[in-house]
Amino acid sequence: MSNNKNVIETRGLKKTYEDGGVPVEAVRGIDFTLTKGEFTAIIGPSGSGKTTFLNLMAGLDSPTDGEVELSGNLISKMSGKELSNYRRDHIGFIFQAYNLFPVLTVEENVEYIMLLQGIHKKERHERVMQILEQVELENFAHRLPSKLSGGQQQRVAVARAMVSRPALVIADEPTANLDSKTSGDLLDMMKKLNEETGMTFLFSTHDEIVMKRARKVVTIRDGLLFKSEEEK
């Protein structure tokens, strides 16, 4: 078992796909540990296994071999509703396409996960307004996503990922659809939230802006952990 400072740990993680009857090793036995409060970026060229590795850690895909332990529990052994509920309660997701519900207001989008968790309406509202203030969108609570800029929509996505206080926030190319200034502002805000809350962030990225702000950068190449830069 991992120690209580380890948010996520992979041991001998492998994933093999069949492509026309030919086995393809997308992830080839990765040992990786992410401790509480880290702000880490995973980088790698297309076809490196980066996305597969991220999906395995998020419980969105099942390993061929090896283990994934999140907050002291082996999610690689879970399936179905158990896995879905555990992922809901312990991982926040930020996607490059924002993935906001277009018919819901900012407040309704942010509170959605807490609604699924059965958190009382009064607490939901208080937590939503607190996180919206932190991402500087407290005056936009009743707007629809279509009335927001791309950067504002991504800040809503950040608020939604963090409001339920998950152990880990996974951000998959979060700046891909943003200009460089907006990207920089968003990353500065996320780093500030990371420092204030101690929440753990893991990025998948090709963006130099993200890499420069990450405290640690991990490179995946040919399905293997290639290099880890020292913490900044």
C-alpha atoms as a PDB file:
ATOM      1  CA  MET A   1       0.000   0.000   0.000  1.00  0.00           C
ATOM      2  CA  SER A   2       1.094   3.571  -0.602  1.00  0.00           C
ATOM      3  CA  ASN A   3       1.708   5.976   2.243  1.00  0.00           C
ATOM      4  CA  ASN A   4      -0.900   8.559   3.130  1.00  0.00           C
ATOM      5  CA  LYS A   5       0.951  11.332   1.263  1.00  0.00           C
ATOM      6  CA  ASN A   6       0.546   9.499  -2.055  1.00  0.00           C
ATOM      7  CA  VAL A   7      -2.579  10.624  -3.882  1.00  0.00           C
ATOM      8  CA  ILE A   8      -2.092   8.227  -6.773  1.00  0.00           C
ATOM      9  CA  GLU A   9       0.390   5.450  -7.468  1.00  0.00           C
ATOM     10  CA  THR A  10       0.818   3.095 -10.404  1.00  0.00           C
ATOM     11  CA  ARG A  11       2.807  -0.130 -10.172  1.00  0.00           C
ATOM     12  CA  GLY A  12       3.884  -2.084 -13.254  1.00  0.00           C
ATOM     13  CA  LEU A  13       1.071  -0.474 -15.224  1.00  0.00           C
ATOM     14  CA  LYS A  14       0.541  -1.938 -18.693  1.00  0.00           C
ATOM     15  CA  LYS A  15      -2.034  -1.597 -21.447  1.00  0.00           C
ATOM     16  CA  THR A  16      -2.003  -3.657 -24.631  1.00  0.00           C
ATOM     17  CA  TYR A  17      -4.460  -3.170 -27.485  1.00  0.00           C
ATOM     18  CA  GLU A  18      -5.203  -5.378 -30.470  1.00  0.00           C
ATOM     19  CA  ASP A  19      -4.783  -3.666 -33.837  1.00  0.00           C
ATOM     20  CA  GLY A  20      -5.771  -5.982 -36.675  1.00  0.00           C
ATOM     21  CA  GLY A  21      -4.824  -8.968 -34.559  1.00  0.00           C
ATOM     22  CA  VAL A  22      -1.435  -7.445 -33.707  1.00  0.00           C
ATOM     23  CA  PRO A  23      -0.786  -6.547 -30.052  1.00  0.00           C
ATOM     24  CA  VAL A  24       0.196  -2.915 -29.477  1.00  0.00           C
ATOM     25  CA  GLU A  25       1.787  -2.023 -26.138  1.00  0.00           C
ATOM     26  CA  ALA A  26       0.512   1.476 -25.397  1.00  0.00           C
ATOM     27  CA  VAL A  27       1.774   1.511 -21.789  1.00  0.00           C
ATOM     28  CA  ARG A  28       4.675  -0.798 -21.001  1.00  0.00           C
ATOM     29  CA  GLY A  29       5.046  -1.108 -17.251  1.00  0.00           C
ATOM     30  CA  ILE A  30       5.032   2.298 -15.582  1.00  0.00           C
ATOM     31  CA  ASP A  31       5.719   2.956 -11.911  1.00  0.00           C
ATOM     32  CA  PHE A  32       4.586   6.449 -10.976  1.00  0.00           C
ATOM     33  CA  THR A  33       3.709   8.288  -7.778  1.00  0.00           C
ATOM     34  CA  LEU A  34       1.982  11.601  -7.295  1.00  0.00           C
ATOM     35  CA  THR A  35       2.011  13.042  -3.777  1.00  0.00           C
ATOM     36  CA  LYS A  36      -0.442  15.429  -2.169  1.00  0.00           C
ATOM     37  CA  GLY A  37      -0.271  19.020  -3.373  1.00  0.00           C
ATOM     38  CA  GLU A  38       1.762  18.389  -6.537  1.00  0.00           C
ATOM     39  CA  PHE A  39       1.324  20.495  -9.683  1.00  0.00           C
ATOM     40  CA  THR A  40       2.682  18.121 -12.320  1.00  0.00           C
ATOM     41  CA  ALA A  41       2.578  17.986 -16.121  1.00  0.00           C
ATOM     42  CA  ILE A  42       2.793  14.854 -18.258  1.00  0.00           C
ATOM     43  CA  ILE A  43       4.162  15.494 -21.737  1.00  0.00           C
ATOM     44  CA  GLY A  44       4.904  13.298 -24.724  1.00  0.00           C
ATOM     45  CA  PRO A  45       4.574  13.141 -28.514  1.00  0.00           C
ATOM     46  CA  SER A  46       1.482  11.785 -30.244  1.00  0.00           C
ATOM     47  CA  GLY A  47       1.344   8.014 -29.894  1.00  0.00           C
ATOM     48  CA  SER A  48       3.585   8.065 -26.815  1.00  0.00           C
ATOM     49  CA  GLY A  49       0.967   6.464 -24.560  1.00  0.00           C
ATOM     50  CA  LYS A  50       0.294   9.700 -22.664  1.00  0.00           C
ATOM     51  CA  THR A  51      -3.470   9.692 -23.155  1.00  0.00           C
ATOM     52  CA  THR A  52      -3.748   5.976 -22.390  1.00  0.00           C
ATOM     53  CA  PHE A  53      -1.708   6.429 -19.215  1.00  0.00           C
ATOM     54  CA  LEU A  54      -3.902   9.329 -18.116  1.00  0.00           C
ATOM     55  CA  ASN A  55      -7.076   7.333 -18.801  1.00  0.00           C
ATOM     56  CA  LEU A  56      -5.740   4.413 -16.766  1.00  0.00           C
ATOM     57  CA  MET A  57      -4.952   6.661 -13.816  1.00  0.00           C
ATOM     58  CA  ALA A  58      -8.397   8.262 -14.069  1.00  0.00           C
ATOM     59  CA  GLY A  59     -10.166   4.910 -14.079  1.00  0.00           C
ATOM     60  CA  LEU A  60     -11.527   5.613 -17.564  1.00  0.00           C
ATOM     61  CA  ASP A  61      -9.709   2.558 -18.939  1.00  0.00           C
ATOM     62  CA  SER A  62      -8.670  -0.768 -17.393  1.00  0.00           C
ATOM     63  CA  PRO A  63      -5.042  -1.959 -17.360  1.00  0.00           C
ATOM     64  CA  THR A  64      -3.925  -5.185 -18.984  1.00  0.00           C
ATOM     65  CA  ASP A  65      -1.585  -5.640 -16.037  1.00  0.00           C
ATOM     66  CA  GLY A  66      -0.427  -3.698 -12.985  1.00  0.00           C
ATOM     67  CA  GLU A  67      -2.233  -1.583 -10.429  1.00  0.00           C
ATOM     68  CA  VAL A  68      -3.575   1.937  -9.943  1.00  0.00           C
ATOM     69  CA  GLU A  69      -4.073   3.068  -6.362  1.00  0.00           C
ATOM     70  CA  LEU A  70      -5.977   6.290  -5.679  1.00  0.00           C
ATOM     71  CA  SER A  71      -6.317   7.621  -2.135  1.00  0.00           C
ATOM     72  CA  GLY A  72      -5.393   4.222  -0.731  1.00  0.00           C
ATOM     73  CA  ASN A  73      -7.839   2.186  -2.855  1.00  0.00           C
ATOM     74  CA  LEU A  74      -7.082   0.012  -5.875  1.00  0.00           C
ATOM     75  CA  ILE A  75      -9.256   1.517  -8.590  1.00  0.00           C
ATOM     76  CA  SER A  76      -7.715  -0.914 -11.097  1.00  0.00           C
ATOM     77  CA  LYS A  77      -9.709  -3.658  -9.326  1.00  0.00           C
ATOM     78  CA  MET A  78     -12.996  -1.738  -9.364  1.00  0.00           C
ATOM     79  CA  SER A  79     -15.653  -1.802 -12.061  1.00  0.00           C
ATOM     80  CA  GLY A  80     -19.150  -0.616 -12.798  1.00  0.00           C
ATOM     81  CA  LYS A  81     -20.961   1.572 -10.297  1.00  0.00           C
ATOM     82  CA  GLU A  82     -18.282   1.209  -7.623  1.00  0.00           C
ATOM     83  CA  LEU A  83     -15.640   2.640  -9.956  1.00  0.00           C
ATOM     84  CA  SER A  84     -17.983   5.329 -11.286  1.00  0.00           C
ATOM     85  CA  ASN A  85     -18.889   6.533  -7.799  1.00  0.00           C
ATOM     86  CA  TYR A  86     -15.288   6.438  -6.566  1.00  0.00           C
ATOM     87  CA  ARG A  87     -14.085   8.394  -9.577  1.00  0.00           C
ATOM     88  CA  ARG A  88     -16.916  10.918  -9.072  1.00  0.00           C
ATOM     89  CA  ASP A  89     -15.949  11.459  -5.427  1.00  0.00           C
ATOM     90  CA  HIS A  90     -12.157  11.496  -5.755  1.00  0.00           C
ATOM     91  CA  ILE A  91     -11.230  12.930  -9.193  1.00  0.00           C
ATOM     92  CA  GLY A  92     -12.090  16.276 -10.756  1.00  0.00           C
ATOM     93  CA  PHE A  93     -11.788  16.548 -14.536  1.00  0.00           C
ATOM     94  CA  ILE A  94     -10.937  19.562 -16.703  1.00  0.00           C
ATOM     95  CA  PHE A  95     -11.217  18.999 -20.465  1.00  0.00           C
ATOM     96  CA  GLN A  96      -9.938  21.056 -23.392  1.00  0.00           C
ATOM     97  CA  ALA A  97     -13.508  21.357 -24.743  1.00  0.00           C
ATOM     98  CA  TYR A  98     -14.832  22.630 -21.365  1.00  0.00           C
ATOM     99  CA  ASN A  99     -17.718  20.073 -21.411  1.00  0.00           C
ATOM    100  CA  LEU A 100     -20.185  22.419 -19.724  1.00  0.00           C
ATOM    101  CA  PHE A 101     -23.927  21.770 -19.920  1.00  0.00           C
ATOM    102  CA  PRO A 102     -25.214  24.480 -22.304  1.00  0.00           C
ATOM    103  CA  VAL A 103     -28.715  24.642 -20.761  1.00  0.00           C
ATOM    104  CA  LEU A 104     -27.434  25.032 -17.186  1.00  0.00           C
ATOM    105  CA  THR A 105     -26.233  28.254 -15.596  1.00  0.00           C
ATOM    106  CA  VAL A 106     -22.695  28.667 -14.288  1.00  0.00           C
ATOM    107  CA  GLU A 107     -23.895  27.898 -10.754  1.00  0.00           C
ATOM    108  CA  GLU A 108     -25.805  24.805 -11.910  1.00  0.00           C
ATOM    109  CA  ASN A 109     -22.806  23.529 -13.884  1.00  0.00           C
ATOM    110  CA  VAL A 110     -20.479  23.921 -10.917  1.00  0.00           C
ATOM    111  CA  GLU A 111     -22.837  22.306  -8.404  1.00  0.00           C
ATOM    112  CA  TYR A 112     -23.700  19.327 -10.645  1.00  0.00           C
ATOM    113  CA  ILE A 113     -21.245  16.813  -9.133  1.00  0.00           C
ATOM    114  CA  MET A 114     -22.302  17.768  -5.612  1.00  0.00           C
ATOM    115  CA  LEU A 115     -25.918  17.214  -6.644  1.00  0.00           C
ATOM    116  CA  LEU A 116     -24.993  13.654  -7.663  1.00  0.00           C
ATOM    117  CA  GLN A 117     -23.204  13.237  -4.339  1.00  0.00           C
ATOM    118  CA  GLY A 118     -26.370  14.143  -2.430  1.00  0.00           C
ATOM    119  CA  ILE A 119     -24.943  17.254  -0.781  1.00  0.00           C
ATOM    120  CA  HIS A 120     -27.586  19.537   0.728  1.00  0.00           C
ATOM    121  CA  LYS A 121     -28.745  22.515  -1.352  1.00  0.00           C
ATOM    122  CA  LYS A 122     -27.556  25.155   1.166  1.00  0.00           C
ATOM    123  CA  GLU A 123     -24.046  23.690   1.335  1.00  0.00           C
ATOM    124  CA  ARG A 124     -23.934  23.314  -2.455  1.00  0.00           C
ATOM    125  CA  HIS A 125     -24.779  26.977  -2.919  1.00  0.00           C
ATOM    126  CA  GLU A 126     -22.225  28.144  -0.334  1.00  0.00           C
ATOM    127  CA  ARG A 127     -19.438  26.065  -1.832  1.00  0.00           C
ATOM    128  CA  VAL A 128     -20.292  27.104  -5.399  1.00  0.00           C
ATOM    129  CA  MET A 129     -20.251  30.804  -4.540  1.00  0.00           C
ATOM    130  CA  GLN A 130     -16.984  30.412  -2.642  1.00  0.00           C
ATOM    131  CA  ILE A 131     -15.213  28.723  -5.568  1.00  0.00           C
ATOM    132  CA  LEU A 132     -16.720  31.175  -8.088  1.00  0.00           C
ATOM    133  CA  GLU A 133     -15.266  34.019  -6.037  1.00  0.00           C
ATOM    134  CA  GLN A 134     -11.876  32.282  -6.116  1.00  0.00           C
ATOM    135  CA  VAL A 135     -12.006  32.022  -9.930  1.00  0.00           C
ATOM    136  CA  GLU A 136     -13.358  35.592 -10.178  1.00  0.00           C
ATOM    137  CA  LEU A 137     -16.734  34.631 -11.617  1.00  0.00           C
ATOM    138  CA  GLU A 138     -19.007  35.344  -8.656  1.00  0.00           C
ATOM    139  CA  ASN A 139     -20.987  37.865 -10.737  1.00  0.00           C
ATOM    140  CA  PHE A 140     -21.600  35.322 -13.512  1.00  0.00           C
ATOM    141  CA  ALA A 141     -23.422  32.645 -11.486  1.00  0.00           C
ATOM    142  CA  HIS A 142     -26.700  32.970 -13.401  1.00  0.00           C
ATOM    143  CA  ARG A 143     -25.261  33.187 -16.914  1.00  0.00           C
ATOM    144  CA  LEU A 144     -25.346  30.392 -19.449  1.00  0.00           C
ATOM    145  CA  PRO A 145     -22.012  29.135 -20.881  1.00  0.00           C
ATOM    146  CA  SER A 146     -22.854  30.631 -24.281  1.00  0.00           C
ATOM    147  CA  LYS A 147     -22.683  34.094 -22.699  1.00  0.00           C
ATOM    148  CA  LEU A 148     -19.098  33.549 -21.512  1.00  0.00           C
ATOM    149  CA  SER A 149     -15.737  33.805 -23.251  1.00  0.00           C
ATOM    150  CA  GLY A 150     -13.610  30.683 -23.748  1.00  0.00           C
ATOM    151  CA  GLY A 151     -11.381  31.621 -20.829  1.00  0.00           C
ATOM    152  CA  GLN A 152     -14.390  32.193 -18.579  1.00  0.00           C
ATOM    153  CA  GLN A 153     -15.881  28.842 -19.588  1.00  0.00           C
ATOM    154  CA  GLN A 154     -12.627  27.095 -18.713  1.00  0.00           C
ATOM    155  CA  ARG A 155     -12.610  28.838 -15.331  1.00  0.00           C
ATOM    156  CA  VAL A 156     -16.100  27.440 -14.753  1.00  0.00           C
ATOM    157  CA  ALA A 157     -14.693  24.008 -15.619  1.00  0.00           C
ATOM    158  CA  VAL A 158     -11.894  24.533 -13.079  1.00  0.00           C
ATOM    159  CA  ALA A 159     -14.426  25.548 -10.424  1.00  0.00           C
ATOM    160  CA  ARG A 160     -16.564  22.487 -11.193  1.00  0.00           C
ATOM    161  CA  ALA A 161     -13.546  20.180 -10.940  1.00  0.00           C
ATOM    162  CA  MET A 162     -12.488  21.584  -7.564  1.00  0.00           C
ATOM    163  CA  VAL A 163     -15.768  22.352  -5.779  1.00  0.00           C
ATOM    164  CA  SER A 164     -16.342  18.793  -4.558  1.00  0.00           C
ATOM    165  CA  ARG A 165     -12.813  18.801  -3.063  1.00  0.00           C
ATOM    166  CA  PRO A 166     -11.474  15.719  -4.862  1.00  0.00           C
ATOM    167  CA  ALA A 167      -8.128  14.145  -4.056  1.00  0.00           C
ATOM    168  CA  LEU A 168      -6.901  14.721  -7.612  1.00  0.00           C
ATOM    169  CA  VAL A 169      -7.703  17.153 -10.426  1.00  0.00           C
ATOM    170  CA  ILE A 170      -6.826  15.824 -13.898  1.00  0.00           C
ATOM    171  CA  ALA A 171      -6.561  18.476 -16.609  1.00  0.00           C
ATOM    172  CA  ASP A 172      -6.368  17.120 -20.161  1.00  0.00           C
ATOM    173  CA  GLU A 173      -4.920  19.803 -22.480  1.00  0.00           C
ATOM    174  CA  PRO A 174      -6.811  22.528 -20.558  1.00  0.00           C
ATOM    175  CA  THR A 175      -5.320  25.422 -22.564  1.00  0.00           C
ATOM    176  CA  ALA A 176      -5.657  23.905 -26.047  1.00  0.00           C
ATOM    177  CA  ASN A 177      -8.510  26.198 -27.106  1.00  0.00           C
ATOM    178  CA  LEU A 178      -7.222  29.372 -25.460  1.00  0.00           C
ATOM    179  CA  ASP A 179      -4.892  32.143 -26.582  1.00  0.00           C
ATOM    180  CA  SER A 180      -1.552  32.520 -24.814  1.00  0.00           C
ATOM    181  CA  LYS A 181      -2.572  35.372 -22.487  1.00  0.00           C
ATOM    182  CA  THR A 182      -5.768  33.632 -21.417  1.00  0.00           C
ATOM    183  CA  SER A 183      -3.829  30.397 -20.964  1.00  0.00           C
ATOM    184  CA  GLY A 184      -1.249  32.114 -18.784  1.00  0.00           C
ATOM    185  CA  ASP A 185      -3.908  33.788 -16.660  1.00  0.00           C
ATOM    186  CA  LEU A 186      -5.768  30.486 -16.243  1.00  0.00           C
ATOM    187  CA  LEU A 187      -2.616  28.612 -15.219  1.00  0.00           C
ATOM    188  CA  ASP A 188      -1.637  31.335 -12.753  1.00  0.00           C
ATOM    189  CA  MET A 189      -5.094  31.085 -11.202  1.00  0.00           C
ATOM    190  CA  MET A 190      -4.904  27.280 -11.000  1.00  0.00           C
ATOM    191  CA  LYS A 191      -1.451  27.429  -9.424  1.00  0.00           C
ATOM    192  CA  LYS A 192      -2.742  29.916  -6.843  1.00  0.00           C
ATOM    193  CA  LEU A 193      -5.681  27.615  -6.039  1.00  0.00           C
ATOM    194  CA  ASN A 194      -3.263  24.687  -5.778  1.00  0.00           C
ATOM    195  CA  GLU A 195      -1.144  26.620  -3.279  1.00  0.00           C
ATOM    196  CA  GLU A 196      -4.160  27.773  -1.262  1.00  0.00           C
ATOM    197  CA  THR A 197      -6.012  24.462  -1.110  1.00  0.00           C
ATOM    198  CA  GLY A 198      -3.212  21.872  -1.325  1.00  0.00           C
ATOM    199  CA  MET A 199      -5.246  20.046  -3.959  1.00  0.00           C
ATOM    200  CA  THR A 200      -3.226  17.886  -6.351  1.00  0.00           C
ATOM    201  CA  PHE A 201      -3.138  18.743 -10.079  1.00  0.00           C
ATOM    202  CA  LEU A 202      -2.019  16.520 -12.941  1.00  0.00           C
ATOM    203  CA  PHE A 203      -1.872  17.979 -16.458  1.00  0.00           C
ATOM    204  CA  SER A 204      -1.605  16.319 -19.832  1.00  0.00           C
ATOM    205  CA  THR A 205      -0.239  18.926 -22.211  1.00  0.00           C
ATOM    206  CA  HIS A 206       1.787  20.027 -25.224  1.00  0.00           C
ATOM    207  CA  ASP A 207       1.660  23.652 -24.088  1.00  0.00           C
ATOM    208  CA  GLU A 208       4.885  25.375 -23.048  1.00  0.00           C
ATOM    209  CA  ILE A 209       2.830  27.705 -20.843  1.00  0.00           C
ATOM    210  CA  VAL A 210       1.694  24.745 -18.744  1.00  0.00           C
ATOM    211  CA  MET A 211       5.168  23.172 -18.662  1.00  0.00           C
ATOM    212  CA  LYS A 212       6.786  26.397 -17.439  1.00  0.00           C
ATOM    213  CA  ARG A 213       4.360  26.663 -14.537  1.00  0.00           C
ATOM    214  CA  ALA A 214       4.376  23.002 -13.527  1.00  0.00           C
ATOM    215  CA  ARG A 215       6.558  22.179 -10.544  1.00  0.00           C
ATOM    216  CA  LYS A 216       7.462  18.834 -12.077  1.00  0.00           C
ATOM    217  CA  VAL A 217       7.369  17.596 -15.674  1.00  0.00           C
ATOM    218  CA  VAL A 218       7.140  13.887 -16.522  1.00  0.00           C
ATOM    219  CA  THR A 219       7.818  12.687 -20.067  1.00  0.00           C
ATOM    220  CA  ILE A 220       6.202   9.589 -21.572  1.00  0.00           C
ATOM    221  CA  ARG A 221       7.742   8.065 -24.692  1.00  0.00           C
ATOM    222  CA  ASP A 222       6.963   4.717 -26.354  1.00  0.00           C
ATOM    223  CA  GLY A 223       4.784   3.744 -23.402  1.00  0.00           C
ATOM    224  CA  LEU A 224       7.541   4.259 -20.832  1.00  0.00           C
ATOM    225  CA  LEU A 225       8.330   6.899 -18.238  1.00  0.00           C
ATOM    226  CA  PHE A 226      11.259   8.619 -19.895  1.00  0.00           C
ATOM    227  CA  LYS A 227      12.294  11.509 -17.680  1.00  0.00           C
ATOM    228  CA  SER A 228      11.212  13.387 -14.613  1.00  0.00           C
ATOM    229  CA  GLU A 229      12.452  16.892 -14.051  1.00  0.00           C
ATOM    230  CA  GLU A 230      13.279  17.892 -10.501  1.00  0.00           C
ATOM    231  CA  GLU A 231      10.684  19.920  -8.642  1.00  0.00           C
ATOM    232  CA  LYS A 232      10.980  23.651  -9.230  1.00  0.00           C
END
